[in-house]
Each structure stands twice: as structure tokens, then as C-alpha cells.
PDB file of N, CA and C in Angstrom:
ATOM      1  N   MET A   1      44.422 -82.354-129.148  1.00  0.00           N
ATOM      2  CA  MET A   1      44.095 -83.652-129.707  1.00  0.00           C
ATOM      3  C   MET A   1      42.579 -83.744-129.855  1.00  0.00           C
ATOM      4  N   ALA A   2      42.168 -84.164-131.020  1.00  0.00           N
ATOM      5  CA  ALA A   2      40.744 -84.317-131.294  1.00  0.00           C
ATOM      6  C   ALA A   2      40.474 -85.776-131.657  1.00  0.00           C
ATOM      7  N   PRO A   3      39.410 -86.368-131.115  1.00  0.00           N
ATOM      8  CA  PRO A   3      39.096 -87.744-131.484  1.00  0.00           C
ATOM      9  C   PRO A   3      38.615 -87.788-132.933  1.00  0.00           C
ATOM     10  N   VAL A   4      39.169 -88.740-133.713  1.00  0.00           N
ATOM     11  CA  VAL A   4      38.812 -88.805-135.135  1.00  0.00           C
ATOM     12  C   VAL A   4      38.262 -90.160-135.555  1.00  0.00           C
ATOM     13  N   ALA A   5      38.448 -91.197-134.733  1.00  0.00           N
ATOM     14  CA  ALA A   5      37.976 -92.520-135.129  1.00  0.00           C
ATOM     15  C   ALA A   5      37.896 -93.429-133.909  1.00  0.00           C
ATOM     16  N   LEU A   6      37.149 -94.503-134.086  1.00  0.00           N
ATOM     17  CA  LEU A   6      37.050 -95.550-133.083  1.00  0.00           C
ATOM     18  C   LEU A   6      37.468 -96.848-133.758  1.00  0.00           C
ATOM     19  N   ASP A   7      38.361 -97.574-133.124  1.00  0.00           N
ATOM     20  CA  ASP A   7      38.901 -98.809-133.687  1.00  0.00           C
ATOM     21  C   ASP A   7      38.723 -99.923-132.666  1.00  0.00           C
ATOM     22  N   HIS A   8      38.727-101.155-133.129  1.00  0.00           N
ATOM     23  CA  HIS A   8      38.635-102.282-132.211  1.00  0.00           C
ATOM     24  C   HIS A   8      39.947-103.047-132.252  1.00  0.00           C
ATOM     25  N   ALA A   9      40.530-103.258-131.080  1.00  0.00           N
ATOM     26  CA  ALA A   9      41.780-104.000-130.963  1.00  0.00           C
ATOM     27  C   ALA A   9      41.523-105.247-130.123  1.00  0.00           C
ATOM     28  N   ALA A  10      42.550-106.053-129.939  1.00  0.00           N
ATOM     29  CA  ALA A  10      42.409-107.302-129.191  1.00  0.00           C
ATOM     30  C   ALA A  10      41.950-107.069-127.758  1.00  0.00           C
ATOM     31  N   LYS A  11      42.329-105.933-127.170  1.00  0.00           N
ATOM     32  CA  LYS A  11      41.978-105.666-125.774  1.00  0.00           C
ATOM     33  C   LYS A  11      40.756-104.771-125.618  1.00  0.00           C
ATOM     34  N   GLY A  12      40.055-104.465-126.688  1.00  0.00           N
ATOM     35  CA  GLY A  12      38.847-103.645-126.597  1.00  0.00           C
ATOM     36  C   GLY A  12      38.855-102.480-127.565  1.00  0.00           C
ATOM     37  N   TRP A  13      37.998-101.506-127.289  1.00  0.00           N
ATOM     38  CA  TRP A  13      37.860-100.348-128.165  1.00  0.00           C
ATOM     39  C   TRP A  13      38.993 -99.363-127.951  1.00  0.00           C
ATOM     40  N   VAL A  14      39.430 -98.745-129.058  1.00  0.00           N
ATOM     41  CA  VAL A  14      40.536 -97.794-129.041  1.00  0.00           C
ATOM     42  C   VAL A  14      40.075 -96.500-129.715  1.00  0.00           C
ATOM     43  N   ILE A  15      40.316 -95.376-129.034  1.00  0.00           N
ATOM     44  CA  ILE A  15      39.988 -94.061-129.592  1.00  0.00           C
ATOM     45  C   ILE A  15      41.234 -93.522-130.287  1.00  0.00           C
ATOM     46  N   VAL A  16      41.074 -93.135-131.541  1.00  0.00           N
ATOM     47  CA  VAL A  16      42.184 -92.564-132.313  1.00  0.00           C
ATOM     48  C   VAL A  16      42.046 -91.045-132.250  1.00  0.00           C
ATOM     49  N   HIS A  17      43.112 -90.383-131.794  1.00  0.00           N
ATOM     50  CA  HIS A  17      43.147 -88.925-131.691  1.00  0.00           C
ATOM     51  C   HIS A  17      44.142 -88.364-132.700  1.00  0.00           C
ATOM     52  N   ARG A  18      43.858 -87.163-133.193  1.00  0.00           N
ATOM     53  CA  ARG A  18      44.780 -86.467-134.102  1.00  0.00           C
ATOM     54  C   ARG A  18      45.046 -85.073-133.534  1.00  0.00           C
ATOM     55  N   CYS A  19      46.315 -84.694-133.521  1.00  0.00           N
ATOM     56  CA  CYS A  19      46.713 -83.366-133.051  1.00  0.00           C
ATOM     57  C   CYS A  19      46.202 -82.322-134.037  1.00  0.00           C
ATOM     58  N   THR A  20      45.549 -81.298-133.505  1.00  0.00           N
ATOM     59  CA  THR A  20      45.011 -80.253-134.372  1.00  0.00           C
ATOM     60  C   THR A  20      46.094 -79.315-134.883  1.00  0.00           C
ATOM     61  N   ALA A  21      47.284 -79.345-134.274  1.00  0.00           N
ATOM     62  CA  ALA A  21      48.374 -78.466-134.714  1.00  0.00           C
ATOM     63  C   ALA A  21      49.274 -79.127-135.757  1.00  0.00           C
ATOM     64  N   CYS A  22      49.697 -80.381-135.483  1.00  0.00           N
ATOM     65  CA  CYS A  22      50.682 -80.998-136.372  1.00  0.00           C
ATOM     66  C   CYS A  22      50.166 -82.219-137.131  1.00  0.00           C
ATOM     67  N   GLY A  23      49.010 -82.764-136.740  1.00  0.00           N
ATOM     68  CA  GLY A  23      48.448 -83.907-137.445  1.00  0.00           C
ATOM     69  C   GLY A  23      48.895 -85.261-136.918  1.00  0.00           C
ATOM     70  N   HIS A  24      49.746 -85.294-135.895  1.00  0.00           N
ATOM     71  CA  HIS A  24      50.192 -86.561-135.308  1.00  0.00           C
ATOM     72  C   HIS A  24      48.989 -87.317-134.734  1.00  0.00           C
ATOM     73  N   THR A  25      48.946 -88.632-134.940  1.00  0.00           N
ATOM     74  CA  THR A  25      47.857 -89.435-134.390  1.00  0.00           C
ATOM     75  C   THR A  25      48.365 -90.310-133.255  1.00  0.00           C
ATOM     76  N   SER A  26      47.482 -90.556-132.297  1.00  0.00           N
ATOM     77  CA  SER A  26      47.790 -91.459-131.197  1.00  0.00           C
ATOM     78  C   SER A  26      46.534 -92.262-130.881  1.00  0.00           C
ATOM     79  N   ARG A  27      46.745 -93.384-130.193  1.00  0.00           N
ATOM     80  CA  ARG A  27      45.640 -94.290-129.872  1.00  0.00           C
ATOM     81  C   ARG A  27      45.574 -94.468-128.359  1.00  0.00           C
ATOM     82  N   ASN A  28      44.347 -94.427-127.822  1.00  0.00           N
ATOM     83  CA  ASN A  28      44.132 -94.625-126.396  1.00  0.00           C
ATOM     84  C   ASN A  28      42.973 -95.605-126.215  1.00  0.00           C
ATOM     85  N   ARG A  29      43.178 -96.555-125.336  1.00  0.00           N
ATOM     86  CA  ARG A  29      42.145 -97.545-125.071  1.00  0.00           C
ATOM     87  C   ARG A  29      40.964 -96.899-124.347  1.00  0.00           C
ATOM     88  N   ALA A  30      39.755 -97.210-124.780  1.00  0.00           N
ATOM     89  CA  ALA A  30      38.550 -96.694-124.136  1.00  0.00           C
ATOM     90  C   ALA A  30      38.340 -97.421-122.814  1.00  0.00           C
ATOM     91  N   THR A  31      37.865 -96.690-121.821  1.00  0.00           N
ATOM     92  CA  THR A  31      37.610 -97.280-120.511  1.00  0.00           C
ATOM     93  C   THR A  31      36.137 -97.095-120.182  1.00  0.00           C
ATOM     94  N   LEU A  32      35.361 -98.135-120.409  1.00  0.00           N
ATOM     95  CA  LEU A  32      33.924 -98.069-120.138  1.00  0.00           C
ATOM     96  C   LEU A  32      33.599 -98.475-118.707  1.00  0.00           C
ATOM     97  N   ASP A  33      34.486 -99.221-118.062  1.00  0.00           N
ATOM     98  CA  ASP A  33      34.189 -99.721-116.727  1.00  0.00           C
ATOM     99  C   ASP A  33      35.006 -99.047-115.626  1.00  0.00           C
ATOM    100  N   ASP A  34      35.639 -97.927-115.918  1.00  0.00           N
ATOM    101  CA  ASP A  34      36.410 -97.193-114.921  1.00  0.00           C
ATOM    102  C   ASP A  34      35.433 -96.483-113.978  1.00  0.00           C
ATOM    103  N   PRO A  35      35.491 -96.764-112.675  1.00  0.00           N
ATOM    104  CA  PRO A  35      34.533 -96.145-111.750  1.00  0.00           C
ATOM    105  C   PRO A  35      34.774 -94.652-111.535  1.00  0.00           C
ATOM    106  N   ILE A  36      35.971 -94.155-111.828  1.00  0.00           N
ATOM    107  CA  ILE A  36      36.281 -92.749-111.566  1.00  0.00           C
ATOM    108  C   ILE A  36      35.922 -91.859-112.760  1.00  0.00           C
ATOM    109  N   GLN A  37      36.377 -92.229-113.950  1.00  0.00           N
ATOM    110  CA  GLN A  37      36.119 -91.396-115.127  1.00  0.00           C
ATOM    111  C   GLN A  37      35.973 -92.272-116.373  1.00  0.00           C
ATOM    112  N   PRO A  38      34.820 -92.931-116.547  1.00  0.00           N
ATOM    113  CA  PRO A  38      34.636 -93.778-117.730  1.00  0.00           C
ATOM    114  C   PRO A  38      34.392 -92.935-118.980  1.00  0.00           C
ATOM    115  N   ASP A  39      34.695 -93.507-120.144  1.00  0.00           N
ATOM    116  CA  ASP A  39      34.366 -92.847-121.405  1.00  0.00           C
ATOM    117  C   ASP A  39      32.860 -92.938-121.621  1.00  0.00           C
ATOM    118  N   ASP A  40      32.310 -91.945-122.281  1.00  0.00           N
ATOM    119  CA  ASP A  40      30.871 -91.859-122.529  1.00  0.00           C
ATOM    120  C   ASP A  40      30.485 -92.792-123.680  1.00  0.00           C
ATOM    121  N   PRO A  41      29.647 -93.816-123.412  1.00  0.00           N
ATOM    122  CA  PRO A  41      29.259 -94.743-124.489  1.00  0.00           C
ATOM    123  C   PRO A  41      28.548 -94.051-125.651  1.00  0.00           C
ATOM    124  N   ALA A  42      27.754 -93.019-125.377  1.00  0.00           N
ATOM    125  CA  ALA A  42      27.065 -92.298-126.458  1.00  0.00           C
ATOM    126  C   ALA A  42      28.070 -91.558-127.341  1.00  0.00           C
ATOM    127  N   ALA A  43      29.105 -90.992-126.731  1.00  0.00           N
ATOM    128  CA  ALA A  43      30.138 -90.301-127.515  1.00  0.00           C
ATOM    129  C   ALA A  43      30.924 -91.300-128.356  1.00  0.00           C
ATOM    130  N   LEU A  44      31.187 -92.486-127.819  1.00  0.00           N
ATOM    131  CA  LEU A  44      31.890 -93.520-128.591  1.00  0.00           C
ATOM    132  C   LEU A  44      31.036 -93.972-129.770  1.00  0.00           C
ATOM    133  N   ALA A  45      29.735 -94.103-129.552  1.00  0.00           N
ATOM    134  CA  ALA A  45      28.846 -94.504-130.648  1.00  0.00           C
ATOM    135  C   ALA A  45      28.837 -93.457-131.753  1.00  0.00           C
ATOM    136  N   ALA A  46      28.812 -92.185-131.366  1.00  0.00           N
ATOM    137  CA  ALA A  46      28.846 -91.094-132.359  1.00  0.00           C
ATOM    138  C   ALA A  46      30.174 -91.098-133.102  1.00  0.00           C
ATOM    139  N   LEU A  47      31.253 -91.382-132.394  1.00  0.00           N
ATOM    140  CA  LEU A  47      32.584 -91.423-133.008  1.00  0.00           C
ATOM    141  C   LEU A  47      32.680 -92.572-133.999  1.00  0.00           C
ATOM    142  N   SER A  48      32.020 -93.682-133.705  1.00  0.00           N
ATOM    143  CA  SER A  48      32.085 -94.836-134.602  1.00  0.00           C
ATOM    144  C   SER A  48      31.337 -94.579-135.914  1.00  0.00           C
ATOM    145  N   ALA A  49      30.456 -93.601-135.928  1.00  0.00           N
ATOM    146  CA  ALA A  49      29.691 -93.288-137.135  1.00  0.00           C
ATOM    147  C   ALA A  49      30.477 -92.408-138.107  1.00  0.00           C
ATOM    148  N   LEU A  50      31.615 -91.861-137.667  1.00  0.00           N
ATOM    149  CA  LEU A  50      32.426 -91.012-138.538  1.00  0.00           C
ATOM    150  C   LEU A  50      33.115 -91.851-139.618  1.00  0.00           C
ATOM    151  N   PRO A  51      33.344 -91.271-140.797  1.00  0.00           N
ATOM    152  CA  PRO A  51      34.113 -91.999-141.815  1.00  0.00           C
ATOM    153  C   PRO A  51      35.561 -92.195-141.370  1.00  0.00           C
ATOM    154  N   PRO A  52      36.236 -93.216-141.860  1.00  0.00           N
ATOM    155  CA  PRO A  52      37.630 -93.446-141.479  1.00  0.00           C
ATOM    156  C   PRO A  52      38.494 -92.230-141.803  1.00  0.00           C
ATOM    157  N   PRO A  53      39.489 -91.955-140.929  1.00  0.00           N
ATOM    158  CA  PRO A  53      40.341 -90.761-141.152  1.00  0.00           C
ATOM    159  C   PRO A  53      41.267 -90.934-142.335  1.00  0.00           C
TER     160      PRO A  53
END
């Protein structure tokens, strides 16, 4: 799965992933405030600069 887009939903930011083998897409909520393994804000900013998939 490769991240291809960043979307905003009612509950916050959502990372859109696409399978590199079959093309299936899935969505996962970004976790910026998780004390164990938060998502990288700089990586999310770079992802938001990509054109829509």
C-alpha cells in the first residue's frame, strides 16, 4: 500500500492508500496526537501537495 492522497473528513485528516499490486484503495485516519506512533506532520504536508489520484 502506498499513500496517494490526503483528504479531510468530519473526524479529521484521512490518508488514502492504493495497493501497488491490484490498485485497491483504502482510507485510514491520520493520528497526529498518538503518543506511541503519531503520523509525521511533514509527510502529511508533502502528501497534501500531490495532485488528486
